Amino acid sequence: RGNVIKKIAPGNIDEVRSLLAGSGGVDVTGGMRGKIMELWDLARAGIPSRVFNVEAPGGVAKFLKNDLKEFTLIGGE
């Protein structure tokens, strides 16, 4: 388990990009790197995203209730 990056913004996108891996096998989404870069494109268009661990107990419910404490914000304030 790695450390959670709190925010991906113009000031750290190059560093984050260098840390992300593509898919190690057959994965049409491009692994985490592909997913984050797609979300980065949305952020640049003014649409922020949150990435979080859906396997964490209660994570999805907390997200839906806007009570999620550990996530990565891509773009946004």
PDB file of N, CA and C in Angstrom:
ATOM      1  N   ARG A   1       0.853  -1.179   0.000  1.00  0.00           N
ATOM      2  CA  ARG A   1       0.000   0.000   0.000  1.00  0.00           C
ATOM      3  C   ARG A   1       0.891   1.233   0.000  1.00  0.00           C
ATOM      4  N   GLY A   2       0.642   2.113  -0.939  1.00  0.00           N
ATOM      5  CA  GLY A   2       1.417   3.341  -1.035  1.00  0.00           C
ATOM      6  C   GLY A   2       0.773   4.476  -0.274  1.00  0.00           C
ATOM      7  N   ASN A   3       1.459   5.583  -0.245  1.00  0.00           N
ATOM      8  CA  ASN A   3       0.916   6.779   0.386  1.00  0.00           C
ATOM      9  C   ASN A   3      -0.095   7.442  -0.540  1.00  0.00           C
ATOM     10  N   VAL A   4      -1.113   8.038   0.045  1.00  0.00           N
ATOM     11  CA  VAL A   4      -2.126   8.736  -0.733  1.00  0.00           C
ATOM     12  C   VAL A   4      -1.599  10.122  -1.100  1.00  0.00           C
ATOM     13  N   ILE A   5      -1.677  10.458  -2.360  1.00  0.00           N
ATOM     14  CA  ILE A   5      -1.349  11.800  -2.821  1.00  0.00           C
ATOM     15  C   ILE A   5      -2.602  12.631  -2.606  1.00  0.00           C
ATOM     16  N   LYS A   6      -2.501  13.688  -1.826  1.00  0.00           N
ATOM     17  CA  LYS A   6      -3.684  14.475  -1.457  1.00  0.00           C
ATOM     18  C   LYS A   6      -4.285  15.220  -2.638  1.00  0.00           C
ATOM     19  N   LYS A   7      -3.431  15.784  -3.512  1.00  0.00           N
ATOM     20  CA  LYS A   7      -3.946  16.560  -4.632  1.00  0.00           C
ATOM     21  C   LYS A   7      -2.999  16.483  -5.818  1.00  0.00           C
ATOM     22  N   ILE A   8      -3.590  16.376  -6.990  1.00  0.00           N
ATOM     23  CA  ILE A   8      -2.828  16.445  -8.227  1.00  0.00           C
ATOM     24  C   ILE A   8      -3.217  17.764  -8.886  1.00  0.00           C
ATOM     25  N   ALA A   9      -2.214  18.602  -9.099  1.00  0.00           N
ATOM     26  CA  ALA A   9      -2.415  19.950  -9.629  1.00  0.00           C
ATOM     27  C   ALA A   9      -1.279  20.272 -10.593  1.00  0.00           C
ATOM     28  N   PRO A  10      -1.353  21.416 -11.278  1.00  0.00           N
ATOM     29  CA  PRO A  10      -0.279  21.759 -12.222  1.00  0.00           C
ATOM     30  C   PRO A  10       1.119  21.723 -11.604  1.00  0.00           C
ATOM     31  N   GLY A  11       1.233  22.056 -10.329  1.00  0.00           N
ATOM     32  CA  GLY A  11       2.534  22.098  -9.681  1.00  0.00           C
ATOM     33  C   GLY A  11       3.170  20.745  -9.406  1.00  0.00           C
ATOM     34  N   ASN A  12       2.367  19.653  -9.442  1.00  0.00           N
ATOM     35  CA  ASN A  12       2.956  18.341  -9.157  1.00  0.00           C
ATOM     36  C   ASN A  12       2.603  17.261 -10.178  1.00  0.00           C
ATOM     37  N   ILE A  13       1.922  17.620 -11.258  1.00  0.00           N
ATOM     38  CA  ILE A  13       1.498  16.597 -12.214  1.00  0.00           C
ATOM     39  C   ILE A  13       2.682  15.864 -12.836  1.00  0.00           C
ATOM     40  N   ASP A  14       3.781  16.543 -13.116  1.00  0.00           N
ATOM     41  CA  ASP A  14       4.934  15.862 -13.718  1.00  0.00           C
ATOM     42  C   ASP A  14       5.529  14.837 -12.758  1.00  0.00           C
ATOM     43  N   GLU A  15       5.628  15.195 -11.479  1.00  0.00           N
ATOM     44  CA  GLU A  15       6.130  14.252 -10.480  1.00  0.00           C
ATOM     45  C   GLU A  15       5.192  13.061 -10.338  1.00  0.00           C
ATOM     46  N   VAL A  16       3.905  13.335 -10.257  1.00  0.00           N
ATOM     47  CA  VAL A  16       2.917  12.254 -10.127  1.00  0.00           C
ATOM     48  C   VAL A  16       2.973  11.340 -11.334  1.00  0.00           C
ATOM     49  N   ARG A  17       3.037  11.919 -12.526  1.00  0.00           N
ATOM     50  CA  ARG A  17       3.088  11.126 -13.763  1.00  0.00           C
ATOM     51  C   ARG A  17       4.271  10.166 -13.734  1.00  0.00           C
ATOM     52  N   SER A  18       5.398  10.620 -13.204  1.00  0.00           N
ATOM     53  CA  SER A  18       6.589   9.765 -13.162  1.00  0.00           C
ATOM     54  C   SER A  18       6.442   8.612 -12.170  1.00  0.00           C
ATOM     55  N   LEU A  19       5.539   8.745 -11.205  1.00  0.00           N
ATOM     56  CA  LEU A  19       5.326   7.702 -10.205  1.00  0.00           C
ATOM     57  C   LEU A  19       4.323   6.643 -10.632  1.00  0.00           C
ATOM     58  N   LEU A  20       3.487   6.966 -11.597  1.00  0.00           N
ATOM     59  CA  LEU A  20       2.402   6.068 -11.998  1.00  0.00           C
ATOM     60  C   LEU A  20       2.869   5.037 -13.005  1.00  0.00           C
ATOM     61  N   ALA A  21       2.332   3.855 -12.855  1.00  0.00           N
ATOM     62  CA  ALA A  21       2.653   2.774 -13.780  1.00  0.00           C
ATOM     63  C   ALA A  21       1.475   2.529 -14.709  1.00  0.00           C
ATOM     64  N   GLY A  22       1.790   2.089 -15.893  1.00  0.00           N
ATOM     65  CA  GLY A  22       0.750   1.661 -16.821  1.00  0.00           C
ATOM     66  C   GLY A  22       0.290   0.271 -16.440  1.00  0.00           C
ATOM     67  N   SER A  23      -0.399  -0.362 -17.307  1.00  0.00           N
ATOM     68  CA  SER A  23      -0.916  -1.704 -17.057  1.00  0.00           C
ATOM     69  C   SER A  23       0.193  -2.738 -17.172  1.00  0.00           C
ATOM     70  N   GLY A  24       0.213  -3.672 -16.233  1.00  0.00           N
ATOM     71  CA  GLY A  24       1.178  -4.762 -16.274  1.00  0.00           C
ATOM     72  C   GLY A  24       0.687  -5.944 -17.091  1.00  0.00           C
ATOM     73  N   GLY A  25      -0.566  -5.924 -17.480  1.00  0.00           N
ATOM     74  CA  GLY A  25      -1.161  -7.006 -18.255  1.00  0.00           C
ATOM     75  C   GLY A  25      -2.176  -6.427 -19.223  1.00  0.00           C
ATOM     76  N   VAL A  26      -3.137  -7.251 -19.571  1.00  0.00           N
ATOM     77  CA  VAL A  26      -4.189  -6.799 -20.475  1.00  0.00           C
ATOM     78  C   VAL A  26      -5.150  -5.921 -19.687  1.00  0.00           C
ATOM     79  N   ASP A  27      -5.145  -4.631 -19.996  1.00  0.00           N
ATOM     80  CA  ASP A  27      -5.996  -3.664 -19.300  1.00  0.00           C
ATOM     81  C   ASP A  27      -6.266  -2.522 -20.262  1.00  0.00           C
ATOM     82  N   VAL A  28      -7.449  -2.468 -20.815  1.00  0.00           N
ATOM     83  CA  VAL A  28      -7.758  -1.450 -21.823  1.00  0.00           C
ATOM     84  C   VAL A  28      -7.787  -0.046 -21.239  1.00  0.00           C
ATOM     85  N   THR A  29      -7.784   0.088 -19.907  1.00  0.00           N
ATOM     86  CA  THR A  29      -7.820   1.415 -19.285  1.00  0.00           C
ATOM     87  C   THR A  29      -6.435   2.024 -19.130  1.00  0.00           C
ATOM     88  N   GLY A  30      -5.380   1.246 -19.386  1.00  0.00           N
ATOM     89  CA  GLY A  30      -4.024   1.778 -19.263  1.00  0.00           C
ATOM     90  C   GLY A  30      -3.502   1.778 -17.848  1.00  0.00           C
ATOM     91  N   GLY A  31      -4.099   0.977 -16.967  1.00  0.00           N
ATOM     92  CA  GLY A  31      -3.653   0.929 -15.578  1.00  0.00           C
ATOM     93  C   GLY A  31      -3.949   2.238 -14.873  1.00  0.00           C
ATOM     94  N   MET A  32      -3.357   2.440 -13.714  1.00  0.00           N
ATOM     95  CA  MET A  32      -3.616   3.654 -12.937  1.00  0.00           C
ATOM     96  C   MET A  32      -3.130   4.896 -13.683  1.00  0.00           C
ATOM     97  N   ARG A  33      -2.022   4.774 -14.389  1.00  0.00           N
ATOM     98  CA  ARG A  33      -1.515   5.926 -15.154  1.00  0.00           C
ATOM     99  C   ARG A  33      -2.556   6.390 -16.172  1.00  0.00           C
ATOM    100  N   GLY A  34      -3.134   5.476 -16.913  1.00  0.00           N
ATOM    101  CA  GLY A  34      -4.146   5.830 -17.910  1.00  0.00           C
ATOM    102  C   GLY A  34      -5.362   6.493 -17.278  1.00  0.00           C
ATOM    103  N   LYS A  35      -5.803   5.952 -16.157  1.00  0.00           N
ATOM    104  CA  LYS A  35      -6.974   6.506 -15.475  1.00  0.00           C
ATOM    105  C   LYS A  35      -6.696   7.920 -14.968  1.00  0.00           C
ATOM    106  N   ILE A  36      -5.565   8.098 -14.305  1.00  0.00           N
ATOM    107  CA  ILE A  36      -5.236   9.411 -13.747  1.00  0.00           C
ATOM    108  C   ILE A  36      -5.052  10.436 -14.863  1.00  0.00           C
ATOM    109  N   MET A  37      -4.428  10.058 -15.953  1.00  0.00           N
ATOM    110  CA  MET A  37      -4.211  11.020 -17.033  1.00  0.00           C
ATOM    111  C   MET A  37      -5.530  11.401 -17.701  1.00  0.00           C
ATOM    112  N   GLU A  38      -6.472  10.487 -17.794  1.00  0.00           N
ATOM    113  CA  GLU A  38      -7.809  10.829 -18.311  1.00  0.00           C
ATOM    114  C   GLU A  38      -8.490  11.815 -17.371  1.00  0.00           C
ATOM    115  N   LEU A  39      -8.389  11.568 -16.072  1.00  0.00           N
ATOM    116  CA  LEU A  39      -8.988  12.479 -15.096  1.00  0.00           C
ATOM    117  C   LEU A  39      -8.270  13.831 -15.100  1.00  0.00           C
ATOM    118  N   TRP A  40      -6.962  13.822 -15.373  1.00  0.00           N
ATOM    119  CA  TRP A  40      -6.219  15.080 -15.468  1.00  0.00           C
ATOM    120  C   TRP A  40      -6.739  15.909 -16.642  1.00  0.00           C
ATOM    121  N   ASP A  41      -7.049  15.256 -17.756  1.00  0.00           N
ATOM    122  CA  ASP A  41      -7.622  15.975 -18.898  1.00  0.00           C
ATOM    123  C   ASP A  41      -8.944  16.632 -18.502  1.00  0.00           C
ATOM    124  N   LEU A  42      -9.774  15.927 -17.738  1.00  0.00           N
ATOM    125  CA  LEU A  42     -11.028  16.516 -17.252  1.00  0.00           C
ATOM    126  C   LEU A  42     -10.752  17.699 -16.330  1.00  0.00           C
ATOM    127  N   ALA A  43      -9.771  17.551 -15.448  1.00  0.00           N
ATOM    128  CA  ALA A  43      -9.434  18.628 -14.509  1.00  0.00           C
ATOM    129  C   ALA A  43      -9.002  19.881 -15.264  1.00  0.00           C
ATOM    130  N   ARG A  44      -8.227  19.702 -16.305  1.00  0.00           N
ATOM    131  CA  ARG A  44      -7.788  20.848 -17.104  1.00  0.00           C
ATOM    132  C   ARG A  44      -8.962  21.527 -17.791  1.00  0.00           C
ATOM    133  N   ALA A  45     -10.054  20.804 -17.990  1.00  0.00           N
ATOM    134  CA  ALA A  45     -11.268  21.364 -18.587  1.00  0.00           C
ATOM    135  C   ALA A  45     -12.209  21.919 -17.516  1.00  0.00           C
ATOM    136  N   GLY A  46     -11.752  21.916 -16.244  1.00  0.00           N
ATOM    137  CA  GLY A  46     -12.558  22.479 -15.162  1.00  0.00           C
ATOM    138  C   GLY A  46     -13.426  21.487 -14.420  1.00  0.00           C
ATOM    139  N   ILE A  47     -13.207  20.199 -14.648  1.00  0.00           N
ATOM    140  CA  ILE A  47     -14.014  19.162 -13.990  1.00  0.00           C
ATOM    141  C   ILE A  47     -13.117  18.376 -13.034  1.00  0.00           C
ATOM    142  N   PRO A  48     -13.152  18.681 -11.733  1.00  0.00           N
ATOM    143  CA  PRO A  48     -12.312  17.955 -10.775  1.00  0.00           C
ATOM    144  C   PRO A  48     -12.859  16.548 -10.502  1.00  0.00           C
ATOM    145  N   SER A  49     -11.988  15.691 -10.021  1.00  0.00           N
ATOM    146  CA  SER A  49     -12.357  14.309  -9.678  1.00  0.00           C
ATOM    147  C   SER A  49     -11.741  13.925  -8.343  1.00  0.00           C
ATOM    148  N   ARG A  50     -12.311  12.914  -7.733  1.00  0.00           N
ATOM    149  CA  ARG A  50     -11.733  12.314  -6.536  1.00  0.00           C
ATOM    150  C   ARG A  50     -11.510  10.839  -6.801  1.00  0.00           C
ATOM    151  N   VAL A  51     -10.332  10.374  -6.431  1.00  0.00           N
ATOM    152  CA  VAL A  51      -9.993   8.955  -6.557  1.00  0.00           C
ATOM    153  C   VAL A  51      -9.813   8.421  -5.148  1.00  0.00           C
ATOM    154  N   PHE A  52     -10.446   7.272  -4.867  1.00  0.00           N
ATOM    155  CA  PHE A  52     -10.359   6.697  -3.529  1.00  0.00           C
ATOM    156  C   PHE A  52     -10.432   5.186  -3.615  1.00  0.00           C
ATOM    157  N   ASN A  53     -10.110   4.539  -2.525  1.00  0.00           N
ATOM    158  CA  ASN A  53     -10.105   3.080  -2.453  1.00  0.00           C
ATOM    159  C   ASN A  53     -11.527   2.582  -2.200  1.00  0.00           C
ATOM    160  N   VAL A  54     -12.136   2.007  -3.221  1.00  0.00           N
ATOM    161  CA  VAL A  54     -13.513   1.511  -3.072  1.00  0.00           C
ATOM    162  C   VAL A  54     -13.576   0.245  -2.220  1.00  0.00           C
ATOM    163  N   GLU A  55     -12.423  -0.391  -1.972  1.00  0.00           N
ATOM    164  CA  GLU A  55     -12.413  -1.597  -1.147  1.00  0.00           C
ATOM    165  C   GLU A  55     -12.311  -1.287   0.339  1.00  0.00           C
ATOM    166  N   ALA A  56     -12.045  -0.033   0.695  1.00  0.00           N
ATOM    167  CA  ALA A  56     -11.998   0.342   2.116  1.00  0.00           C
ATOM    168  C   ALA A  56     -13.405   0.234   2.690  1.00  0.00           C
ATOM    169  N   PRO A  57     -13.542  -0.327   3.893  1.00  0.00           N
ATOM    170  CA  PRO A  57     -14.875  -0.493   4.485  1.00  0.00           C
ATOM    171  C   PRO A  57     -15.637   0.833   4.544  1.00  0.00           C
ATOM    172  N   GLY A  58     -16.816   0.835   3.962  1.00  0.00           N
ATOM    173  CA  GLY A  58     -17.669   2.010   3.989  1.00  0.00           C
ATOM    174  C   GLY A  58     -17.245   3.123   3.059  1.00  0.00           C
ATOM    175  N   GLY A  59     -16.237   2.883   2.230  1.00  0.00           N
ATOM    176  CA  GLY A  59     -15.692   3.936   1.378  1.00  0.00           C
ATOM    177  C   GLY A  59     -16.691   4.534   0.411  1.00  0.00           C
ATOM    178  N   VAL A  60     -17.455   3.694  -0.259  1.00  0.00           N
ATOM    179  CA  VAL A  60     -18.423   4.199  -1.232  1.00  0.00           C
ATOM    180  C   VAL A  60     -19.527   4.979  -0.522  1.00  0.00           C
ATOM    181  N   ALA A  61     -20.017   4.459   0.588  1.00  0.00           N
ATOM    182  CA  ALA A  61     -21.061   5.161   1.353  1.00  0.00           C
ATOM    183  C   ALA A  61     -20.538   6.516   1.836  1.00  0.00           C
ATOM    184  N   LYS A  62     -19.314   6.544   2.316  1.00  0.00           N
ATOM    185  CA  LYS A  62     -18.729   7.814   2.773  1.00  0.00           C
ATOM    186  C   LYS A  62     -18.598   8.794   1.612  1.00  0.00           C
ATOM    187  N   PHE A  63     -18.192   8.293   0.456  1.00  0.00           N
ATOM    188  CA  PHE A  63     -18.094   9.158  -0.722  1.00  0.00           C
ATOM    189  C   PHE A  63     -19.456   9.753  -1.058  1.00  0.00           C
ATOM    190  N   LEU A  64     -20.479   8.913  -1.083  1.00  0.00           N
ATOM    191  CA  LEU A  64     -21.823   9.375  -1.432  1.00  0.00           C
ATOM    192  C   LEU A  64     -22.381  10.364  -0.407  1.00  0.00           C
ATOM    193  N   LYS A  65     -21.941  10.244   0.840  1.00  0.00           N
ATOM    194  CA  LYS A  65     -22.387  11.154   1.902  1.00  0.00           C
ATOM    195  C   LYS A  65     -21.466  12.366   2.039  1.00  0.00           C
ATOM    196  N   ASN A  66     -20.476  12.478   1.140  1.00  0.00           N
ATOM    197  CA  ASN A  66     -19.473  13.547   1.190  1.00  0.00           C
ATOM    198  C   ASN A  66     -18.733  13.558   2.528  1.00  0.00           C
ATOM    199  N   ASP A  67     -18.430  12.369   3.030  1.00  0.00           N
ATOM    200  CA  ASP A  67     -17.748  12.221   4.317  1.00  0.00           C
ATOM    201  C   ASP A  67     -16.436  11.446   4.169  1.00  0.00           C
ATOM    202  N   LEU A  68     -15.902  11.422   2.967  1.00  0.00           N
ATOM    203  CA  LEU A  68     -14.679  10.682   2.682  1.00  0.00           C
ATOM    204  C   LEU A  68     -13.483  11.483   3.172  1.00  0.00           C
ATOM    205  N   LYS A  69     -12.610  10.845   3.944  1.00  0.00           N
ATOM    206  CA  LYS A  69     -11.458  11.543   4.523  1.00  0.00           C
ATOM    207  C   LYS A  69     -10.168  11.311   3.738  1.00  0.00           C
ATOM    208  N   GLU A  70     -10.017  10.164   3.104  1.00  0.00           N
ATOM    209  CA  GLU A  70      -8.775   9.834   2.398  1.00  0.00           C
ATOM    210  C   GLU A  70      -9.063   9.616   0.917  1.00  0.00           C
ATOM    211  N   PHE A  71      -8.593  10.559   0.103  1.00  0.00           N
ATOM    212  CA  PHE A  71      -8.785  10.487  -1.336  1.00  0.00           C
ATOM    213  C   PHE A  71      -7.753  11.395  -2.010  1.00  0.00           C
ATOM    214  N   THR A  72      -7.657  11.262  -3.320  1.00  0.00           N
ATOM    215  CA  THR A  72      -6.827  12.158  -4.112  1.00  0.00           C
ATOM    216  C   THR A  72      -7.739  13.063  -4.902  1.00  0.00           C
ATOM    217  N   LEU A  73      -7.555  14.359  -4.758  1.00  0.00           N
ATOM    218  CA  LEU A  73      -8.310  15.334  -5.543  1.00  0.00           C
ATOM    219  C   LEU A  73      -7.495  15.659  -6.779  1.00  0.00           C
ATOM    220  N   ILE A  74      -8.116  15.523  -7.922  1.00  0.00           N
ATOM    221  CA  ILE A  74      -7.450  15.833  -9.183  1.00  0.00           C
ATOM    222  C   ILE A  74      -8.073  17.118  -9.709  1.00  0.00           C
ATOM    223  N   GLY A  75      -7.272  18.194  -9.696  1.00  0.00           N
ATOM    224  CA  GLY A  75      -7.783  19.507 -10.071  1.00  0.00           C
ATOM    225  C   GLY A  75      -8.605  20.073  -8.920  1.00  0.00           C
ATOM    226  N   GLY A  76      -9.437  21.012  -9.188  1.00  0.00           N
ATOM    227  CA  GLY A  76     -10.337  21.571  -8.173  1.00  0.00           C
ATOM    228  C   GLY A  76      -9.629  22.492  -7.201  1.00  0.00           C
ATOM    229  N   GLU A  77     -10.379  22.958  -6.246  1.00  0.00           N
ATOM    230  CA  GLU A  77      -9.889  23.920  -5.248  1.00  0.00           C
ATOM    231  C   GLU A  77      -9.155  23.230  -4.136  1.00  0.00           C
TER     232      GLU A  77
END
